[in-house]
N, C-alpha and C. Protein backbone atom coordinates (compact mmCIF):
# COMPACT_ATOMS: atom_id res chain seq x y z
N UNK A 1 -26.87 -6.76 15.34
CA UNK A 1 -27.89 -7.78 15.22
C UNK A 1 -27.22 -9.09 14.82
N UNK A 2 -27.49 -10.15 15.54
CA UNK A 2 -26.92 -11.45 15.22
C UNK A 2 -27.87 -12.20 14.31
N UNK A 3 -27.36 -12.59 13.15
CA UNK A 3 -28.17 -13.32 12.17
C UNK A 3 -28.01 -14.81 12.37
N UNK A 4 -26.79 -15.24 12.65
CA UNK A 4 -26.51 -16.66 12.82
C UNK A 4 -26.17 -16.91 14.27
N UNK A 5 -26.78 -17.90 14.88
CA UNK A 5 -26.49 -18.22 16.28
C UNK A 5 -25.16 -18.93 16.45
N UNK A 6 -24.77 -19.11 17.70
CA UNK A 6 -23.54 -19.85 18.02
C UNK A 6 -23.88 -21.33 18.07
N UNK A 7 -23.03 -22.15 17.51
CA UNK A 7 -23.26 -23.58 17.44
C UNK A 7 -22.14 -24.29 18.16
N UNK A 8 -22.47 -25.01 19.20
CA UNK A 8 -21.47 -25.75 19.97
C UNK A 8 -21.32 -27.14 19.41
N UNK A 9 -20.13 -27.71 19.57
CA UNK A 9 -19.89 -29.07 19.08
C UNK A 9 -20.79 -30.06 19.80
N UNK A 10 -21.21 -29.76 21.04
CA UNK A 10 -22.14 -30.65 21.75
C UNK A 10 -23.46 -30.75 21.01
N UNK A 11 -23.89 -29.63 20.37
CA UNK A 11 -25.11 -29.63 19.58
C UNK A 11 -24.98 -30.61 18.41
N UNK A 12 -23.81 -30.65 17.78
CA UNK A 12 -23.60 -31.55 16.66
C UNK A 12 -23.68 -33.01 17.09
N UNK A 13 -23.24 -33.33 18.30
CA UNK A 13 -23.24 -34.71 18.78
C UNK A 13 -24.64 -35.27 18.91
N UNK A 14 -25.64 -34.39 19.04
CA UNK A 14 -27.02 -34.84 19.19
C UNK A 14 -27.61 -35.32 17.87
N UNK A 15 -26.96 -35.03 16.76
CA UNK A 15 -27.54 -35.29 15.44
C UNK A 15 -26.58 -36.07 14.55
N UNK A 16 -25.97 -37.11 15.06
CA UNK A 16 -24.93 -37.83 14.34
C UNK A 16 -25.40 -38.48 13.05
N UNK A 17 -26.67 -38.74 12.89
CA UNK A 17 -27.14 -39.44 11.70
C UNK A 17 -27.52 -38.49 10.57
N UNK A 18 -27.35 -37.21 10.74
CA UNK A 18 -27.79 -36.24 9.74
C UNK A 18 -26.68 -35.92 8.75
N UNK A 19 -27.08 -35.61 7.52
CA UNK A 19 -26.11 -35.16 6.53
C UNK A 19 -25.75 -33.70 6.81
N UNK A 20 -24.70 -33.23 6.15
CA UNK A 20 -24.29 -31.84 6.32
C UNK A 20 -25.41 -30.88 5.91
N UNK A 21 -26.05 -31.15 4.79
CA UNK A 21 -27.14 -30.27 4.35
C UNK A 21 -28.34 -30.33 5.30
N UNK A 22 -28.62 -31.51 5.86
CA UNK A 22 -29.70 -31.61 6.85
C UNK A 22 -29.34 -30.80 8.10
N UNK A 23 -28.09 -30.85 8.51
CA UNK A 23 -27.67 -30.06 9.68
C UNK A 23 -27.79 -28.57 9.41
N UNK A 24 -27.44 -28.15 8.21
CA UNK A 24 -27.58 -26.73 7.86
C UNK A 24 -29.04 -26.33 7.93
N UNK A 25 -29.92 -27.13 7.37
CA UNK A 25 -31.36 -26.83 7.39
C UNK A 25 -31.90 -26.86 8.82
N UNK A 26 -31.46 -27.83 9.63
CA UNK A 26 -31.93 -27.94 11.01
C UNK A 26 -31.60 -26.67 11.80
N UNK A 27 -30.48 -26.03 11.47
CA UNK A 27 -30.08 -24.79 12.15
C UNK A 27 -30.77 -23.56 11.59
N UNK A 28 -31.63 -23.77 10.59
CA UNK A 28 -32.35 -22.64 10.00
C UNK A 28 -31.48 -21.82 9.06
N UNK A 29 -30.42 -22.42 8.55
CA UNK A 29 -29.51 -21.72 7.64
C UNK A 29 -29.73 -22.19 6.22
N UNK A 30 -29.24 -21.42 5.28
CA UNK A 30 -29.27 -21.80 3.88
C UNK A 30 -27.86 -21.65 3.32
N UNK A 31 -27.48 -22.59 2.48
CA UNK A 31 -26.19 -22.52 1.82
C UNK A 31 -26.30 -21.50 0.69
N UNK A 32 -25.42 -20.49 0.68
CA UNK A 32 -25.49 -19.50 -0.40
C UNK A 32 -24.89 -20.04 -1.69
N UNK A 33 -25.06 -19.29 -2.76
CA UNK A 33 -24.31 -19.59 -3.98
C UNK A 33 -22.84 -19.36 -3.67
N UNK A 34 -21.95 -20.20 -4.20
CA UNK A 34 -20.52 -19.99 -3.94
C UNK A 34 -20.09 -18.63 -4.50
N UNK A 35 -19.48 -17.80 -3.67
CA UNK A 35 -19.04 -16.48 -4.17
C UNK A 35 -18.03 -16.61 -5.30
N UNK A 36 -18.14 -15.72 -6.27
CA UNK A 36 -17.20 -15.69 -7.39
C UNK A 36 -15.89 -15.05 -6.94
N UNK A 37 -14.84 -15.35 -7.66
CA UNK A 37 -13.54 -14.72 -7.41
C UNK A 37 -13.65 -13.22 -7.68
N UNK A 38 -12.92 -12.42 -6.92
CA UNK A 38 -12.94 -10.97 -7.13
C UNK A 38 -11.69 -10.51 -7.88
N UNK A 39 -10.86 -11.43 -8.31
CA UNK A 39 -9.66 -11.10 -9.06
C UNK A 39 -9.25 -12.32 -9.89
N UNK A 40 -7.98 -12.41 -10.26
CA UNK A 40 -7.49 -13.46 -11.14
C UNK A 40 -6.97 -14.66 -10.35
N UNK A 41 -7.89 -15.49 -9.87
CA UNK A 41 -7.55 -16.71 -9.13
C UNK A 41 -8.74 -17.66 -9.18
N UNK A 42 -8.52 -18.89 -8.76
CA UNK A 42 -9.59 -19.88 -8.68
C UNK A 42 -10.20 -19.84 -7.28
N UNK A 43 -11.48 -20.07 -7.16
CA UNK A 43 -12.12 -20.07 -5.84
C UNK A 43 -11.82 -21.34 -5.06
N UNK A 44 -11.45 -22.40 -5.77
CA UNK A 44 -11.02 -23.65 -5.15
C UNK A 44 -10.22 -24.44 -6.17
N UNK A 45 -9.35 -25.30 -5.67
CA UNK A 45 -8.63 -26.25 -6.53
C UNK A 45 -8.68 -27.61 -5.86
N UNK A 46 -8.60 -28.64 -6.69
CA UNK A 46 -8.54 -30.01 -6.18
C UNK A 46 -7.24 -30.64 -6.64
N UNK A 47 -6.56 -31.29 -5.71
CA UNK A 47 -5.35 -32.05 -6.01
C UNK A 47 -5.52 -33.41 -5.35
N UNK A 48 -5.71 -34.43 -6.16
CA UNK A 48 -5.98 -35.75 -5.61
C UNK A 48 -7.27 -35.72 -4.83
N UNK A 49 -7.22 -36.13 -3.57
CA UNK A 49 -8.41 -36.14 -2.70
C UNK A 49 -8.51 -34.90 -1.83
N UNK A 50 -7.71 -33.87 -2.12
CA UNK A 50 -7.68 -32.66 -1.31
C UNK A 50 -8.28 -31.48 -2.08
N UNK A 51 -9.18 -30.77 -1.43
CA UNK A 51 -9.73 -29.52 -1.97
C UNK A 51 -9.24 -28.40 -1.07
N UNK A 52 -8.75 -27.32 -1.69
CA UNK A 52 -8.32 -26.14 -0.95
C UNK A 52 -9.09 -24.95 -1.54
N UNK A 53 -9.73 -24.18 -0.67
CA UNK A 53 -10.46 -23.00 -1.15
C UNK A 53 -9.55 -21.78 -1.06
N UNK A 54 -9.87 -20.80 -1.86
CA UNK A 54 -9.25 -19.50 -1.71
C UNK A 54 -9.84 -18.86 -0.44
N UNK A 55 -9.33 -17.70 -0.08
CA UNK A 55 -9.84 -17.02 1.11
C UNK A 55 -11.30 -16.63 0.94
N UNK A 56 -12.12 -17.05 1.89
CA UNK A 56 -13.55 -16.75 1.87
C UNK A 56 -13.82 -15.56 2.77
N UNK A 57 -14.53 -14.60 2.23
CA UNK A 57 -14.88 -13.38 2.97
C UNK A 57 -16.33 -13.47 3.44
N UNK A 58 -16.70 -12.63 4.39
CA UNK A 58 -18.08 -12.66 4.89
C UNK A 58 -19.07 -11.92 3.98
N UNK A 59 -19.23 -12.41 2.76
CA UNK A 59 -20.21 -11.88 1.82
C UNK A 59 -21.57 -12.49 2.13
N UNK A 60 -22.59 -11.66 2.15
CA UNK A 60 -23.96 -12.16 2.22
C UNK A 60 -24.79 -11.31 1.28
N UNK A 61 -25.37 -11.96 0.28
CA UNK A 61 -26.19 -11.28 -0.73
C UNK A 61 -25.43 -10.12 -1.37
N UNK A 62 -24.15 -10.34 -1.65
CA UNK A 62 -23.33 -9.34 -2.31
C UNK A 62 -22.85 -8.20 -1.44
N UNK A 63 -23.10 -8.28 -0.14
CA UNK A 63 -22.70 -7.22 0.79
C UNK A 63 -21.65 -7.77 1.76
N UNK A 64 -20.58 -7.00 1.97
CA UNK A 64 -19.56 -7.37 2.93
C UNK A 64 -20.11 -7.11 4.34
N UNK A 65 -20.21 -8.16 5.15
CA UNK A 65 -20.74 -8.02 6.50
C UNK A 65 -19.64 -7.61 7.47
N UNK A 66 -19.91 -6.65 8.29
CA UNK A 66 -19.03 -6.17 9.34
C UNK A 66 -17.64 -5.77 8.84
N UNK A 67 -17.56 -4.84 7.88
CA UNK A 67 -16.24 -4.40 7.42
C UNK A 67 -15.51 -3.65 8.54
N UNK A 68 -14.19 -3.71 8.48
CA UNK A 68 -13.38 -2.97 9.45
C UNK A 68 -12.49 -3.88 10.25
N UNK A 69 -11.93 -3.32 11.32
CA UNK A 69 -10.94 -4.03 12.14
C UNK A 69 -11.53 -4.44 13.48
N UNK A 70 -11.20 -5.66 13.88
CA UNK A 70 -11.54 -6.12 15.23
C UNK A 70 -10.73 -5.28 16.21
N UNK A 71 -11.35 -4.95 17.31
CA UNK A 71 -10.69 -4.10 18.30
C UNK A 71 -10.82 -2.62 17.98
N UNK A 72 -11.48 -2.29 16.89
CA UNK A 72 -11.74 -0.90 16.52
C UNK A 72 -13.20 -0.79 16.10
N UNK A 73 -13.48 -0.91 14.80
CA UNK A 73 -14.85 -0.75 14.30
C UNK A 73 -15.72 -1.99 14.47
N UNK A 74 -15.12 -3.15 14.71
CA UNK A 74 -15.86 -4.42 14.73
C UNK A 74 -15.68 -5.09 16.10
N UNK A 75 -16.78 -5.51 16.70
CA UNK A 75 -16.74 -6.20 17.99
C UNK A 75 -16.39 -7.67 17.81
N UNK A 76 -16.02 -8.33 18.89
CA UNK A 76 -15.74 -9.77 18.84
C UNK A 76 -16.98 -10.53 18.37
N UNK A 77 -18.15 -10.13 18.85
CA UNK A 77 -19.40 -10.81 18.46
C UNK A 77 -19.65 -10.64 16.96
N UNK A 78 -19.43 -9.44 16.43
CA UNK A 78 -19.61 -9.22 15.00
C UNK A 78 -18.58 -10.01 14.20
N UNK A 79 -17.35 -10.06 14.68
CA UNK A 79 -16.32 -10.84 14.01
C UNK A 79 -16.65 -12.32 14.01
N UNK A 80 -17.18 -12.80 15.12
CA UNK A 80 -17.59 -14.20 15.23
C UNK A 80 -18.70 -14.50 14.22
N UNK A 81 -19.66 -13.59 14.09
CA UNK A 81 -20.73 -13.76 13.10
C UNK A 81 -20.16 -13.72 11.68
N UNK A 82 -19.23 -12.81 11.42
CA UNK A 82 -18.61 -12.73 10.10
C UNK A 82 -17.87 -14.03 9.78
N UNK A 83 -17.24 -14.64 10.77
CA UNK A 83 -16.56 -15.92 10.56
C UNK A 83 -17.57 -17.00 10.19
N UNK A 84 -18.75 -17.00 10.78
CA UNK A 84 -19.79 -17.97 10.42
C UNK A 84 -20.28 -17.74 8.99
N UNK A 85 -20.44 -16.48 8.61
CA UNK A 85 -20.89 -16.17 7.25
C UNK A 85 -19.83 -16.62 6.23
N UNK A 86 -18.56 -16.31 6.51
CA UNK A 86 -17.47 -16.74 5.62
C UNK A 86 -17.40 -18.27 5.56
N UNK A 87 -17.71 -18.93 6.67
CA UNK A 87 -17.71 -20.39 6.69
C UNK A 87 -18.81 -20.95 5.80
N UNK A 88 -20.00 -20.37 5.84
CA UNK A 88 -21.07 -20.82 4.93
C UNK A 88 -20.63 -20.65 3.48
N UNK A 89 -19.93 -19.57 3.17
CA UNK A 89 -19.42 -19.38 1.82
C UNK A 89 -18.39 -20.46 1.48
N UNK A 90 -17.54 -20.79 2.45
CA UNK A 90 -16.56 -21.86 2.23
C UNK A 90 -17.22 -23.21 2.03
N UNK A 91 -18.25 -23.49 2.80
CA UNK A 91 -18.98 -24.75 2.64
C UNK A 91 -19.62 -24.80 1.25
N UNK A 92 -20.14 -23.67 0.77
CA UNK A 92 -20.70 -23.61 -0.58
C UNK A 92 -19.62 -23.91 -1.62
N UNK A 93 -18.41 -23.41 -1.41
CA UNK A 93 -17.30 -23.71 -2.33
C UNK A 93 -16.99 -25.21 -2.30
N UNK A 94 -16.97 -25.79 -1.10
CA UNK A 94 -16.68 -27.21 -0.97
C UNK A 94 -17.75 -28.05 -1.66
N UNK A 95 -19.01 -27.64 -1.53
CA UNK A 95 -20.08 -28.39 -2.21
C UNK A 95 -19.91 -28.30 -3.71
N UNK A 96 -19.57 -27.13 -4.20
CA UNK A 96 -19.36 -26.98 -5.64
C UNK A 96 -18.20 -27.87 -6.11
N UNK A 97 -17.14 -27.89 -5.35
CA UNK A 97 -15.96 -28.67 -5.71
C UNK A 97 -16.23 -30.17 -5.63
N UNK A 98 -16.87 -30.61 -4.56
CA UNK A 98 -17.09 -32.04 -4.32
C UNK A 98 -18.31 -32.57 -5.03
N UNK A 99 -19.28 -31.70 -5.35
CA UNK A 99 -20.53 -32.14 -5.95
C UNK A 99 -21.55 -32.59 -4.91
N UNK A 100 -21.08 -32.99 -3.74
CA UNK A 100 -21.93 -33.48 -2.65
C UNK A 100 -21.12 -33.37 -1.36
N UNK A 101 -21.66 -32.68 -0.37
CA UNK A 101 -20.92 -32.50 0.89
C UNK A 101 -20.65 -33.81 1.61
N UNK A 102 -21.40 -34.87 1.28
CA UNK A 102 -21.14 -36.16 1.92
C UNK A 102 -19.88 -36.82 1.39
N UNK A 103 -19.33 -36.28 0.31
CA UNK A 103 -18.02 -36.75 -0.18
C UNK A 103 -16.88 -36.20 0.68
N UNK A 104 -17.15 -35.17 1.49
CA UNK A 104 -16.12 -34.61 2.36
C UNK A 104 -15.86 -35.59 3.50
N UNK A 105 -14.67 -36.18 3.50
CA UNK A 105 -14.29 -37.13 4.55
C UNK A 105 -13.90 -36.39 5.83
N UNK A 106 -13.30 -35.21 5.66
CA UNK A 106 -12.84 -34.46 6.82
C UNK A 106 -12.46 -33.06 6.41
N UNK A 107 -12.77 -32.09 7.27
CA UNK A 107 -12.19 -30.76 7.15
C UNK A 107 -10.81 -30.88 7.81
N UNK A 108 -9.78 -30.69 7.05
CA UNK A 108 -8.42 -30.92 7.54
C UNK A 108 -7.88 -29.68 8.24
N UNK A 109 -8.06 -28.51 7.63
CA UNK A 109 -7.44 -27.30 8.15
C UNK A 109 -8.27 -26.08 7.80
N UNK A 110 -8.27 -25.13 8.72
CA UNK A 110 -8.83 -23.81 8.47
C UNK A 110 -7.71 -22.81 8.70
N UNK A 111 -7.50 -21.94 7.74
CA UNK A 111 -6.55 -20.85 7.90
C UNK A 111 -7.35 -19.57 8.06
N UNK A 112 -7.25 -18.96 9.23
CA UNK A 112 -8.05 -17.79 9.53
C UNK A 112 -7.22 -16.54 9.71
N UNK A 113 -7.61 -15.49 9.00
CA UNK A 113 -6.98 -14.18 9.13
C UNK A 113 -8.00 -13.22 9.70
N UNK A 114 -7.59 -12.50 10.73
CA UNK A 114 -8.46 -11.54 11.39
C UNK A 114 -7.87 -10.15 11.17
N UNK A 115 -8.64 -9.28 10.55
CA UNK A 115 -8.24 -7.89 10.32
C UNK A 115 -8.42 -7.16 11.65
N UNK A 116 -7.31 -6.73 12.25
CA UNK A 116 -7.44 -6.20 13.61
C UNK A 116 -6.55 -4.99 13.85
N UNK A 117 -6.91 -4.28 14.88
CA UNK A 117 -6.14 -3.12 15.32
C UNK A 117 -4.96 -3.59 16.17
N UNK A 118 -3.93 -2.75 16.32
CA UNK A 118 -2.79 -3.13 17.16
C UNK A 118 -3.23 -3.49 18.57
N UNK A 119 -2.66 -4.55 19.09
CA UNK A 119 -2.96 -4.97 20.45
C UNK A 119 -4.12 -5.95 20.58
N UNK A 120 -4.86 -6.19 19.51
CA UNK A 120 -5.98 -7.13 19.57
C UNK A 120 -5.43 -8.54 19.73
N UNK A 121 -5.98 -9.30 20.68
CA UNK A 121 -5.45 -10.63 20.98
C UNK A 121 -6.52 -11.74 20.99
N UNK A 122 -7.74 -11.43 20.62
CA UNK A 122 -8.83 -12.39 20.72
C UNK A 122 -9.16 -13.08 19.40
N UNK A 123 -8.15 -13.33 18.58
CA UNK A 123 -8.34 -14.00 17.29
C UNK A 123 -9.06 -15.34 17.45
N UNK A 124 -8.65 -16.18 18.42
CA UNK A 124 -9.33 -17.49 18.55
C UNK A 124 -10.83 -17.36 18.81
N UNK A 125 -11.25 -16.39 19.62
CA UNK A 125 -12.67 -16.23 19.91
C UNK A 125 -13.44 -15.82 18.66
N UNK A 126 -12.83 -15.02 17.81
CA UNK A 126 -13.47 -14.64 16.55
C UNK A 126 -13.63 -15.87 15.66
N UNK A 127 -12.56 -16.64 15.51
CA UNK A 127 -12.58 -17.78 14.60
C UNK A 127 -13.33 -18.99 15.15
N UNK A 128 -13.68 -18.97 16.43
CA UNK A 128 -14.52 -20.04 16.96
C UNK A 128 -15.87 -20.07 16.25
N UNK A 129 -16.31 -18.93 15.71
CA UNK A 129 -17.55 -18.93 14.92
C UNK A 129 -17.46 -19.90 13.76
N UNK A 130 -16.31 -19.96 13.14
CA UNK A 130 -16.06 -20.90 12.04
C UNK A 130 -16.00 -22.33 12.57
N UNK A 131 -15.15 -22.56 13.55
CA UNK A 131 -14.94 -23.92 14.06
C UNK A 131 -16.22 -24.53 14.63
N UNK A 132 -16.99 -23.72 15.35
CA UNK A 132 -18.25 -24.22 15.91
C UNK A 132 -19.23 -24.61 14.81
N UNK A 133 -19.31 -23.79 13.76
CA UNK A 133 -20.24 -24.09 12.67
C UNK A 133 -19.79 -25.33 11.90
N UNK A 134 -18.49 -25.48 11.65
CA UNK A 134 -18.01 -26.68 10.96
C UNK A 134 -18.33 -27.94 11.75
N UNK A 135 -18.18 -27.88 13.07
CA UNK A 135 -18.50 -29.04 13.91
C UNK A 135 -20.00 -29.34 13.89
N UNK A 136 -20.82 -28.30 13.85
CA UNK A 136 -22.27 -28.51 13.83
C UNK A 136 -22.73 -29.05 12.48
N UNK A 137 -22.11 -28.62 11.40
CA UNK A 137 -22.51 -29.06 10.06
C UNK A 137 -21.96 -30.43 9.74
N UNK A 138 -20.65 -30.62 9.93
CA UNK A 138 -20.00 -31.87 9.51
C UNK A 138 -19.83 -32.87 10.65
N UNK A 139 -20.23 -32.49 11.87
CA UNK A 139 -20.10 -33.35 13.04
C UNK A 139 -18.63 -33.72 13.22
N UNK A 140 -18.28 -34.96 13.45
CA UNK A 140 -16.88 -35.30 13.72
C UNK A 140 -15.99 -35.04 12.50
N UNK A 141 -16.55 -35.05 11.30
CA UNK A 141 -15.77 -34.74 10.09
C UNK A 141 -15.35 -33.28 10.05
N UNK A 142 -15.97 -32.46 10.88
CA UNK A 142 -15.68 -31.03 10.90
C UNK A 142 -14.56 -30.63 11.85
N UNK A 143 -14.05 -31.57 12.65
CA UNK A 143 -12.93 -31.27 13.56
C UNK A 143 -11.67 -31.06 12.72
N UNK A 144 -10.92 -30.00 12.97
CA UNK A 144 -9.86 -29.59 12.08
C UNK A 144 -8.70 -28.95 12.83
N UNK A 145 -7.58 -28.77 12.14
CA UNK A 145 -6.51 -27.92 12.65
C UNK A 145 -6.83 -26.50 12.22
N UNK A 146 -6.20 -25.51 12.89
CA UNK A 146 -6.55 -24.13 12.56
C UNK A 146 -5.38 -23.21 12.82
N UNK A 147 -5.24 -22.23 11.97
CA UNK A 147 -4.32 -21.12 12.19
C UNK A 147 -5.17 -19.88 12.40
N UNK A 148 -4.81 -19.07 13.39
CA UNK A 148 -5.52 -17.82 13.66
C UNK A 148 -4.48 -16.70 13.69
N UNK A 149 -4.49 -15.87 12.65
CA UNK A 149 -3.52 -14.80 12.54
C UNK A 149 -4.20 -13.44 12.49
N UNK A 150 -3.57 -12.45 13.08
CA UNK A 150 -4.04 -11.08 12.99
C UNK A 150 -3.25 -10.35 11.92
N UNK A 151 -3.94 -9.59 11.08
CA UNK A 151 -3.26 -8.84 10.03
C UNK A 151 -3.73 -7.40 10.03
N UNK A 152 -2.88 -6.53 9.50
CA UNK A 152 -3.14 -5.08 9.56
C UNK A 152 -4.06 -4.59 8.45
N UNK A 153 -4.11 -5.29 7.34
CA UNK A 153 -4.96 -4.86 6.22
C UNK A 153 -5.60 -6.09 5.60
N UNK A 154 -6.79 -5.90 5.06
CA UNK A 154 -7.53 -7.02 4.49
C UNK A 154 -8.18 -6.57 3.18
N UNK A 155 -8.25 -7.46 2.18
CA UNK A 155 -8.95 -7.11 0.94
C UNK A 155 -10.38 -6.66 1.22
N UNK A 156 -10.77 -5.59 0.57
CA UNK A 156 -12.14 -5.07 0.64
C UNK A 156 -12.58 -4.72 2.05
N UNK A 157 -11.61 -4.50 2.95
CA UNK A 157 -11.86 -4.14 4.35
C UNK A 157 -12.64 -5.20 5.13
N UNK A 158 -12.56 -6.46 4.66
CA UNK A 158 -13.22 -7.56 5.37
C UNK A 158 -12.59 -7.72 6.75
N UNK A 159 -13.39 -8.14 7.72
CA UNK A 159 -12.86 -8.33 9.07
C UNK A 159 -12.27 -9.71 9.27
N UNK A 160 -12.68 -10.68 8.46
CA UNK A 160 -12.10 -12.03 8.51
C UNK A 160 -11.97 -12.58 7.10
N UNK A 161 -11.04 -13.50 6.95
CA UNK A 161 -10.86 -14.24 5.70
C UNK A 161 -10.46 -15.65 6.09
N UNK A 162 -11.16 -16.64 5.54
CA UNK A 162 -10.94 -18.04 5.90
C UNK A 162 -10.66 -18.87 4.67
N UNK A 163 -9.67 -19.76 4.77
CA UNK A 163 -9.39 -20.74 3.72
C UNK A 163 -9.58 -22.14 4.30
N UNK A 164 -10.13 -23.04 3.50
CA UNK A 164 -10.46 -24.39 3.97
C UNK A 164 -9.70 -25.43 3.18
N UNK A 165 -9.24 -26.44 3.89
CA UNK A 165 -8.62 -27.63 3.29
C UNK A 165 -9.53 -28.80 3.68
N UNK A 166 -9.99 -29.54 2.68
CA UNK A 166 -10.89 -30.67 2.95
C UNK A 166 -10.43 -31.89 2.17
N UNK A 167 -10.51 -33.04 2.83
CA UNK A 167 -10.19 -34.31 2.20
C UNK A 167 -11.49 -34.95 1.73
N UNK A 168 -11.47 -35.49 0.51
CA UNK A 168 -12.64 -36.18 -0.03
C UNK A 168 -12.48 -37.69 0.12
N UNK A 169 -13.62 -38.36 0.25
CA UNK A 169 -13.61 -39.83 0.16
C UNK A 169 -13.15 -40.21 -1.23
N UNK A 170 -12.46 -41.33 -1.35
CA UNK A 170 -11.98 -41.82 -2.65
C UNK A 170 -13.04 -41.97 -3.63
């Protein structure tokens, strides 16, 4: 079952005057509470005008969505949805760090890890769920660089883990 739809960057271009929170509401989404750390680390740090989040997992209401490996227990569509859920968690972290999403000048980088079985090669299609949502929420400020890596094991059996780098306005 797909909870979050796919958001194309063309959709974001239609709403250039909207704030990030207005775009989230327009898509029928809600920003969750920023997930707490599950171990001994910070969920985000700020250095100068740069905020970097820790790895965001696809938690929704305290439940790990689509646990397992892409190419085995998890489909590309489920992985794409998990990337969107993890992205909403990352946006919640950014809002907590910045105090206001309009202070985000640009999403600079997304580091994406895909928990996958041997031979899986569709990492970019999974992580497009993240990139599409960032473009729809932040519009041109959401365009970013990205790393898409496949890994053999993931904390808590999550299928994706995303880290965000964002620049703040002075």
